[in-house]
Amino acid sequence: MGKSWFDAFPIARQTLTAADESLRDLPNGSRLSDLCFNGPKEVLDRTDVSQPALYTVGIACFQSLVESHGGVN
C-alpha cells in the first residue's frame, strides 16, 4: 500500500519517512512504511496499525497530487 506513490513522489517519501520517525510503538518495532509495503497482512490488519497506515498513505497521495498539479489555489 502506497509503494508506487513513495517511489514516484518525493513528497510522499517525506510523508512516510516522517510517519516512520513519529510512530515508534508499532508491533515488533516495525516502521510504518515497511508494514505498508511488505506486511505481514496480519499485522497491517490490526486497527492500531491500519488506521495510521491508511491516514498516512492518504495524506501522501493527496500531497503528491497537489504538488503535481501546481499546488492549491
PDB file of N, CA and C in Angstrom:
ATOM      1  N   MET A   1       0.845  -1.173   0.000  1.00  0.00           N
ATOM      2  CA  MET A   1       0.000   0.000   0.000  1.00  0.00           C
ATOM      3  C   MET A   1       0.892   1.240   0.000  1.00  0.00           C
ATOM      4  N   GLY A   2       0.727   2.089  -1.002  1.00  0.00           N
ATOM      5  CA  GLY A   2       1.447   3.350  -1.077  1.00  0.00           C
ATOM      6  C   GLY A   2       2.833   3.286  -1.684  1.00  0.00           C
ATOM      7  N   LYS A   3       3.297   2.105  -2.046  1.00  0.00           N
ATOM      8  CA  LYS A   3       4.670   1.960  -2.545  1.00  0.00           C
ATOM      9  C   LYS A   3       4.880   2.726  -3.852  1.00  0.00           C
ATOM     10  N   SER A   4       3.919   2.690  -4.754  1.00  0.00           N
ATOM     11  CA  SER A   4       4.103   3.389  -6.030  1.00  0.00           C
ATOM     12  C   SER A   4       4.167   4.903  -5.821  1.00  0.00           C
ATOM     13  N   TRP A   5       3.381   5.434  -4.864  1.00  0.00           N
ATOM     14  CA  TRP A   5       3.449   6.864  -4.545  1.00  0.00           C
ATOM     15  C   TRP A   5       4.806   7.190  -3.926  1.00  0.00           C
ATOM     16  N   PHE A   6       5.264   6.336  -3.024  1.00  0.00           N
ATOM     17  CA  PHE A   6       6.560   6.512  -2.371  1.00  0.00           C
ATOM     18  C   PHE A   6       7.679   6.558  -3.412  1.00  0.00           C
ATOM     19  N   ASP A   7       7.628   5.667  -4.379  1.00  0.00           N
ATOM     20  CA  ASP A   7       8.663   5.598  -5.407  1.00  0.00           C
ATOM     21  C   ASP A   7       8.608   6.781  -6.380  1.00  0.00           C
ATOM     22  N   ALA A   8       7.414   7.289  -6.644  1.00  0.00           N
ATOM     23  CA  ALA A   8       7.246   8.299  -7.688  1.00  0.00           C
ATOM     24  C   ALA A   8       7.348   9.745  -7.208  1.00  0.00           C
ATOM     25  N   PHE A   9       7.035  10.014  -5.942  1.00  0.00           N
ATOM     26  CA  PHE A   9       6.924  11.396  -5.487  1.00  0.00           C
ATOM     27  C   PHE A   9       7.758  11.654  -4.226  1.00  0.00           C
ATOM     28  N   PRO A  10       8.687  12.590  -4.294  1.00  0.00           N
ATOM     29  CA  PRO A  10       9.487  12.930  -3.112  1.00  0.00           C
ATOM     30  C   PRO A  10       8.636  13.349  -1.911  1.00  0.00           C
ATOM     31  N   ILE A  11       7.537  14.050  -2.135  1.00  0.00           N
ATOM     32  CA  ILE A  11       6.694  14.486  -1.021  1.00  0.00           C
ATOM     33  C   ILE A  11       6.061  13.279  -0.323  1.00  0.00           C
ATOM     34  N   ALA A  12       5.742  12.236  -1.070  1.00  0.00           N
ATOM     35  CA  ALA A  12       5.202  11.008  -0.465  1.00  0.00           C
ATOM     36  C   ALA A  12       6.282  10.323   0.368  1.00  0.00           C
ATOM     37  N   ARG A  13       7.512  10.313  -0.126  1.00  0.00           N
ATOM     38  CA  ARG A  13       8.621   9.741   0.657  1.00  0.00           C
ATOM     39  C   ARG A  13       8.807  10.515   1.948  1.00  0.00           C
ATOM     40  N   GLN A  14       8.736  11.838   1.875  1.00  0.00           N
ATOM     41  CA  GLN A  14       8.887  12.668   3.075  1.00  0.00           C
ATOM     42  C   GLN A  14       7.782  12.375   4.086  1.00  0.00           C
ATOM     43  N   THR A  15       6.564  12.228   3.610  1.00  0.00           N
ATOM     44  CA  THR A  15       5.434  11.970   4.490  1.00  0.00           C
ATOM     45  C   THR A  15       5.577  10.626   5.195  1.00  0.00           C
ATOM     46  N   LEU A  16       5.904   9.592   4.443  1.00  0.00           N
ATOM     47  CA  LEU A  16       6.062   8.273   5.050  1.00  0.00           C
ATOM     48  C   LEU A  16       7.286   8.208   5.960  1.00  0.00           C
ATOM     49  N   THR A  17       8.339   8.903   5.603  1.00  0.00           N
ATOM     50  CA  THR A  17       9.524   8.947   6.461  1.00  0.00           C
ATOM     51  C   THR A  17       9.213   9.655   7.773  1.00  0.00           C
ATOM     52  N   ALA A  18       8.447  10.733   7.707  1.00  0.00           N
ATOM     53  CA  ALA A  18       8.043  11.444   8.924  1.00  0.00           C
ATOM     54  C   ALA A  18       7.193  10.537   9.809  1.00  0.00           C
ATOM     55  N   ALA A  19       6.304   9.764   9.206  1.00  0.00           N
ATOM     56  CA  ALA A  19       5.492   8.828   9.990  1.00  0.00           C
ATOM     57  C   ALA A  19       6.370   7.751  10.621  1.00  0.00           C
ATOM     58  N   ASP A  20       7.346   7.254   9.869  1.00  0.00           N
ATOM     59  CA  ASP A  20       8.272   6.262  10.426  1.00  0.00           C
ATOM     60  C   ASP A  20       8.989   6.805  11.659  1.00  0.00           C
ATOM     61  N   GLU A  21       9.380   8.066  11.602  1.00  0.00           N
ATOM     62  CA  GLU A  21      10.101   8.673  12.719  1.00  0.00           C
ATOM     63  C   GLU A  21       9.188   8.963  13.907  1.00  0.00           C
ATOM     64  N   SER A  22       7.915   9.218  13.644  1.00  0.00           N
ATOM     65  CA  SER A  22       6.971   9.586  14.703  1.00  0.00           C
ATOM     66  C   SER A  22       6.345   8.386  15.398  1.00  0.00           C
ATOM     67  N   LEU A  23       6.062   7.349  14.639  1.00  0.00           N
ATOM     68  CA  LEU A  23       5.360   6.180  15.187  1.00  0.00           C
ATOM     69  C   LEU A  23       6.380   5.126  15.604  1.00  0.00           C
ATOM     70  N   ARG A  24       6.740   5.168  16.857  1.00  0.00           N
ATOM     71  CA  ARG A  24       7.790   4.272  17.348  1.00  0.00           C
ATOM     72  C   ARG A  24       7.266   3.074  18.127  1.00  0.00           C
ATOM     73  N   ASP A  25       5.960   2.993  18.340  1.00  0.00           N
ATOM     74  CA  ASP A  25       5.431   1.894  19.152  1.00  0.00           C
ATOM     75  C   ASP A  25       4.628   0.883  18.335  1.00  0.00           C
ATOM     76  N   LEU A  26       5.024   0.682  17.095  1.00  0.00           N
ATOM     77  CA  LEU A  26       4.357  -0.302  16.250  1.00  0.00           C
ATOM     78  C   LEU A  26       4.855  -1.704  16.605  1.00  0.00           C
ATOM     79  N   PRO A  27       4.090  -2.736  16.282  1.00  0.00           N
ATOM     80  CA  PRO A  27       4.468  -4.107  16.621  1.00  0.00           C
ATOM     81  C   PRO A  27       5.870  -4.474  16.143  1.00  0.00           C
ATOM     82  N   ASN A  28       6.593  -5.118  17.016  1.00  0.00           N
ATOM     83  CA  ASN A  28       7.954  -5.613  16.737  1.00  0.00           C
ATOM     84  C   ASN A  28       8.923  -4.509  16.342  1.00  0.00           C
ATOM     85  N   GLY A  29       8.618  -3.257  16.714  1.00  0.00           N
ATOM     86  CA  GLY A  29       9.493  -2.143  16.363  1.00  0.00           C
ATOM     87  C   GLY A  29       9.533  -1.848  14.881  1.00  0.00           C
ATOM     88  N   SER A  30       8.518  -2.303  14.146  1.00  0.00           N
ATOM     89  CA  SER A  30       8.473  -2.117  12.690  1.00  0.00           C
ATOM     90  C   SER A  30       8.271  -0.660  12.324  1.00  0.00           C
ATOM     91  N   ARG A  31       8.731  -0.312  11.134  1.00  0.00           N
ATOM     92  CA  ARG A  31       8.439   1.013  10.574  1.00  0.00           C
ATOM     93  C   ARG A  31       7.100   0.927   9.838  1.00  0.00           C
ATOM     94  N   LEU A  32       6.339   2.011   9.883  1.00  0.00           N
ATOM     95  CA  LEU A  32       5.036   2.035   9.213  1.00  0.00           C
ATOM     96  C   LEU A  32       5.189   1.763   7.720  1.00  0.00           C
ATOM     97  N   SER A  33       6.157   2.392   7.091  1.00  0.00           N
ATOM     98  CA  SER A  33       6.340   2.192   5.644  1.00  0.00           C
ATOM     99  C   SER A  33       6.637   0.733   5.318  1.00  0.00           C
ATOM    100  N   ASP A  34       7.437   0.074   6.132  1.00  0.00           N
ATOM    101  CA  ASP A  34       7.748  -1.337   5.891  1.00  0.00           C
ATOM    102  C   ASP A  34       6.494  -2.197   6.013  1.00  0.00           C
ATOM    103  N   LEU A  35       5.663  -1.904   7.004  1.00  0.00           N
ATOM    104  CA  LEU A  35       4.418  -2.653   7.146  1.00  0.00           C
ATOM    105  C   LEU A  35       3.487  -2.391   5.962  1.00  0.00           C
ATOM    106  N   CYS A  36       3.413  -1.144   5.515  1.00  0.00           N
ATOM    107  CA  CYS A  36       2.563  -0.819   4.358  1.00  0.00           C
ATOM    108  C   CYS A  36       3.028  -1.537   3.100  1.00  0.00           C
ATOM    109  N   PHE A  37       4.332  -1.583   2.898  1.00  0.00           N
ATOM    110  CA  PHE A  37       4.872  -2.137   1.654  1.00  0.00           C
ATOM    111  C   PHE A  37       4.989  -3.659   1.674  1.00  0.00           C
ATOM    112  N   ASN A  38       5.253  -4.229   2.855  1.00  0.00           N
ATOM    113  CA  ASN A  38       5.610  -5.647   2.922  1.00  0.00           C
ATOM    114  C   ASN A  38       4.768  -6.491   3.868  1.00  0.00           C
ATOM    115  N   GLY A  39       3.898  -5.862   4.651  1.00  0.00           N
ATOM    116  CA  GLY A  39       3.117  -6.627   5.619  1.00  0.00           C
ATOM    117  C   GLY A  39       3.956  -7.040   6.815  1.00  0.00           C
ATOM    118  N   PRO A  40       3.587  -8.086   7.471  1.00  0.00           N
ATOM    119  CA  PRO A  40       2.606  -9.092   7.101  1.00  0.00           C
ATOM    120  C   PRO A  40       1.174  -8.582   7.253  1.00  0.00           C
ATOM    121  N   LYS A  41       0.291  -9.165   6.467  1.00  0.00           N
ATOM    122  CA  LYS A  41      -1.101  -8.763   6.431  1.00  0.00           C
ATOM    123  C   LYS A  41      -1.740  -8.816   7.815  1.00  0.00           C
ATOM    124  N   GLU A  42      -1.400  -9.836   8.612  1.00  0.00           N
ATOM    125  CA  GLU A  42      -1.999  -9.973   9.940  1.00  0.00           C
ATOM    126  C   GLU A  42      -1.705  -8.757  10.815  1.00  0.00           C
ATOM    127  N   VAL A  43      -0.522  -8.192  10.679  1.00  0.00           N
ATOM    128  CA  VAL A  43      -0.156  -7.007  11.463  1.00  0.00           C
ATOM    129  C   VAL A  43      -0.804  -5.771  10.853  1.00  0.00           C
ATOM    130  N   LEU A  44      -0.757  -5.642   9.544  1.00  0.00           N
ATOM    131  CA  LEU A  44      -1.340  -4.481   8.874  1.00  0.00           C
ATOM    132  C   LEU A  44      -2.857  -4.424   9.075  1.00  0.00           C
ATOM    133  N   ASP A  45      -3.494  -5.551   9.269  1.00  0.00           N
ATOM    134  CA  ASP A  45      -4.941  -5.596   9.503  1.00  0.00           C
ATOM    135  C   ASP A  45      -5.339  -5.140  10.909  1.00  0.00           C
ATOM    136  N   ARG A  46      -4.390  -5.031  11.814  1.00  0.00           N
ATOM    137  CA  ARG A  46      -4.715  -4.570  13.169  1.00  0.00           C
ATOM    138  C   ARG A  46      -5.115  -3.095  13.129  1.00  0.00           C
ATOM    139  N   THR A  47      -6.138  -2.741  13.878  1.00  0.00           N
ATOM    140  CA  THR A  47      -6.641  -1.368  13.879  1.00  0.00           C
ATOM    141  C   THR A  47      -5.563  -0.365  14.258  1.00  0.00           C
ATOM    142  N   ASP A  48      -4.729  -0.705  15.240  1.00  0.00           N
ATOM    143  CA  ASP A  48      -3.702   0.234  15.686  1.00  0.00           C
ATOM    144  C   ASP A  48      -2.608   0.449  14.648  1.00  0.00           C
ATOM    145  N   VAL A  49      -2.572  -0.375  13.631  1.00  0.00           N
ATOM    146  CA  VAL A  49      -1.618  -0.220  12.532  1.00  0.00           C
ATOM    147  C   VAL A  49      -2.333   0.289  11.276  1.00  0.00           C
ATOM    148  N   SER A  50      -3.489  -0.291  10.970  1.00  0.00           N
ATOM    149  CA  SER A  50      -4.172   0.064   9.724  1.00  0.00           C
ATOM    150  C   SER A  50      -4.666   1.509   9.711  1.00  0.00           C
ATOM    151  N   GLN A  51      -5.137   2.017  10.836  1.00  0.00           N
ATOM    152  CA  GLN A  51      -5.628   3.394  10.835  1.00  0.00           C
ATOM    153  C   GLN A  51      -4.515   4.409  10.558  1.00  0.00           C
ATOM    154  N   PRO A  52      -3.376   4.353  11.249  1.00  0.00           N
ATOM    155  CA  PRO A  52      -2.316   5.303  10.881  1.00  0.00           C
ATOM    156  C   PRO A  52      -1.762   5.048   9.480  1.00  0.00           C
ATOM    157  N   ALA A  53      -1.769   3.796   9.035  1.00  0.00           N
ATOM    158  CA  ALA A  53      -1.268   3.488   7.696  1.00  0.00           C
ATOM    159  C   ALA A  53      -2.171   4.114   6.633  1.00  0.00           C
ATOM    160  N   LEU A  54      -3.473   3.924   6.762  1.00  0.00           N
ATOM    161  CA  LEU A  54      -4.410   4.497   5.791  1.00  0.00           C
ATOM    162  C   LEU A  54      -4.356   6.023   5.805  1.00  0.00           C
ATOM    163  N   TYR A  55      -4.294   6.601   6.983  1.00  0.00           N
ATOM    164  CA  TYR A  55      -4.226   8.060   7.103  1.00  0.00           C
ATOM    165  C   TYR A  55      -2.949   8.594   6.448  1.00  0.00           C
ATOM    166  N   THR A  56      -1.822   7.989   6.773  1.00  0.00           N
ATOM    167  CA  THR A  56      -0.534   8.460   6.255  1.00  0.00           C
ATOM    168  C   THR A  56      -0.448   8.308   4.746  1.00  0.00           C
ATOM    169  N   VAL A  57      -0.849   7.172   4.222  1.00  0.00           N
ATOM    170  CA  VAL A  57      -0.801   6.961   2.772  1.00  0.00           C
ATOM    171  C   VAL A  57      -1.783   7.900   2.069  1.00  0.00           C
ATOM    172  N   GLY A  58      -2.937   8.133   2.673  1.00  0.00           N
ATOM    173  CA  GLY A  58      -3.893   9.082   2.094  1.00  0.00           C
ATOM    174  C   GLY A  58      -3.322  10.485   2.013  1.00  0.00           C
ATOM    175  N   ILE A  59      -2.670  10.925   3.081  1.00  0.00           N
ATOM    176  CA  ILE A  59      -2.030  12.251   3.088  1.00  0.00           C
ATOM    177  C   ILE A  59      -0.916  12.300   2.044  1.00  0.00           C
ATOM    178  N   ALA A  60      -0.112  11.256   1.965  1.00  0.00           N
ATOM    179  CA  ALA A  60       0.980  11.211   0.983  1.00  0.00           C
ATOM    180  C   ALA A  60       0.442  11.303  -0.442  1.00  0.00           C
ATOM    181  N   CYS A  61      -0.636  10.593  -0.719  1.00  0.00           N
ATOM    182  CA  CYS A  61      -1.252  10.645  -2.056  1.00  0.00           C
ATOM    183  C   CYS A  61      -1.797  12.038  -2.347  1.00  0.00           C
ATOM    184  N   PHE A  62      -2.508  12.607  -1.376  1.00  0.00           N
ATOM    185  CA  PHE A  62      -3.068  13.942  -1.555  1.00  0.00           C
ATOM    186  C   PHE A  62      -1.964  14.964  -1.816  1.00  0.00           C
ATOM    187  N   GLN A  63      -0.914  14.947  -0.998  1.00  0.00           N
ATOM    188  CA  GLN A  63       0.179  15.902  -1.178  1.00  0.00           C
ATOM    189  C   GLN A  63       0.840  15.729  -2.541  1.00  0.00           C
ATOM    190  N   SER A  64       0.987  14.498  -2.987  1.00  0.00           N
ATOM    191  CA  SER A  64       1.590  14.233  -4.292  1.00  0.00           C
ATOM    192  C   SER A  64       0.728  14.785  -5.418  1.00  0.00           C
ATOM    193  N   LEU A  65      -0.574  14.597  -5.319  1.00  0.00           N
ATOM    194  CA  LEU A  65      -1.480  15.125  -6.346  1.00  0.00           C
ATOM    195  C   LEU A  65      -1.464  16.647  -6.369  1.00  0.00           C
ATOM    196  N   VAL A  66      -1.496  17.256  -5.200  1.00  0.00           N
ATOM    197  CA  VAL A  66      -1.471  18.718  -5.125  1.00  0.00           C
ATOM    198  C   VAL A  66      -0.176  19.246  -5.724  1.00  0.00           C
ATOM    199  N   GLU A  67       0.935  18.655  -5.327  1.00  0.00           N
ATOM    200  CA  GLU A  67       2.236  19.112  -5.826  1.00  0.00           C
ATOM    201  C   GLU A  67       2.340  18.924  -7.337  1.00  0.00           C
ATOM    202  N   SER A  68       1.852  17.824  -7.853  1.00  0.00           N
ATOM    203  CA  SER A  68       1.989  17.557  -9.285  1.00  0.00           C
ATOM    204  C   SER A  68       1.058  18.441 -10.135  1.00  0.00           C
ATOM    205  N   HIS A  69       0.080  19.071  -9.494  1.00  0.00           N
ATOM    206  CA  HIS A  69      -0.837  19.970 -10.203  1.00  0.00           C
ATOM    207  C   HIS A  69      -0.592  21.441  -9.866  1.00  0.00           C
ATOM    208  N   GLY A  70       0.576  21.722  -9.330  1.00  0.00           N
ATOM    209  CA  GLY A  70       0.966  23.107  -9.107  1.00  0.00           C
ATOM    210  C   GLY A  70       0.469  23.736  -7.828  1.00  0.00           C
ATOM    211  N   GLY A  71       0.006  22.938  -6.888  1.00  0.00           N
ATOM    212  CA  GLY A  71      -0.428  23.476  -5.596  1.00  0.00           C
ATOM    213  C   GLY A  71      -1.918  23.765  -5.551  1.00  0.00           C
ATOM    214  N   VAL A  72      -2.341  24.256  -4.409  1.00  0.00           N
ATOM    215  CA  VAL A  72      -3.749  24.576  -4.191  1.00  0.00           C
ATOM    216  C   VAL A  72      -3.904  26.074  -4.250  1.00  0.00           C
ATOM    217  N   ASN A  73      -4.869  26.541  -5.020  1.00  0.00           N
ATOM    218  CA  ASN A  73      -5.121  27.983  -5.117  1.00  0.00           C
ATOM    219  C   ASN A  73      -6.381  28.348  -4.392  1.00  0.00           C
TER     220      ASN A  73
END
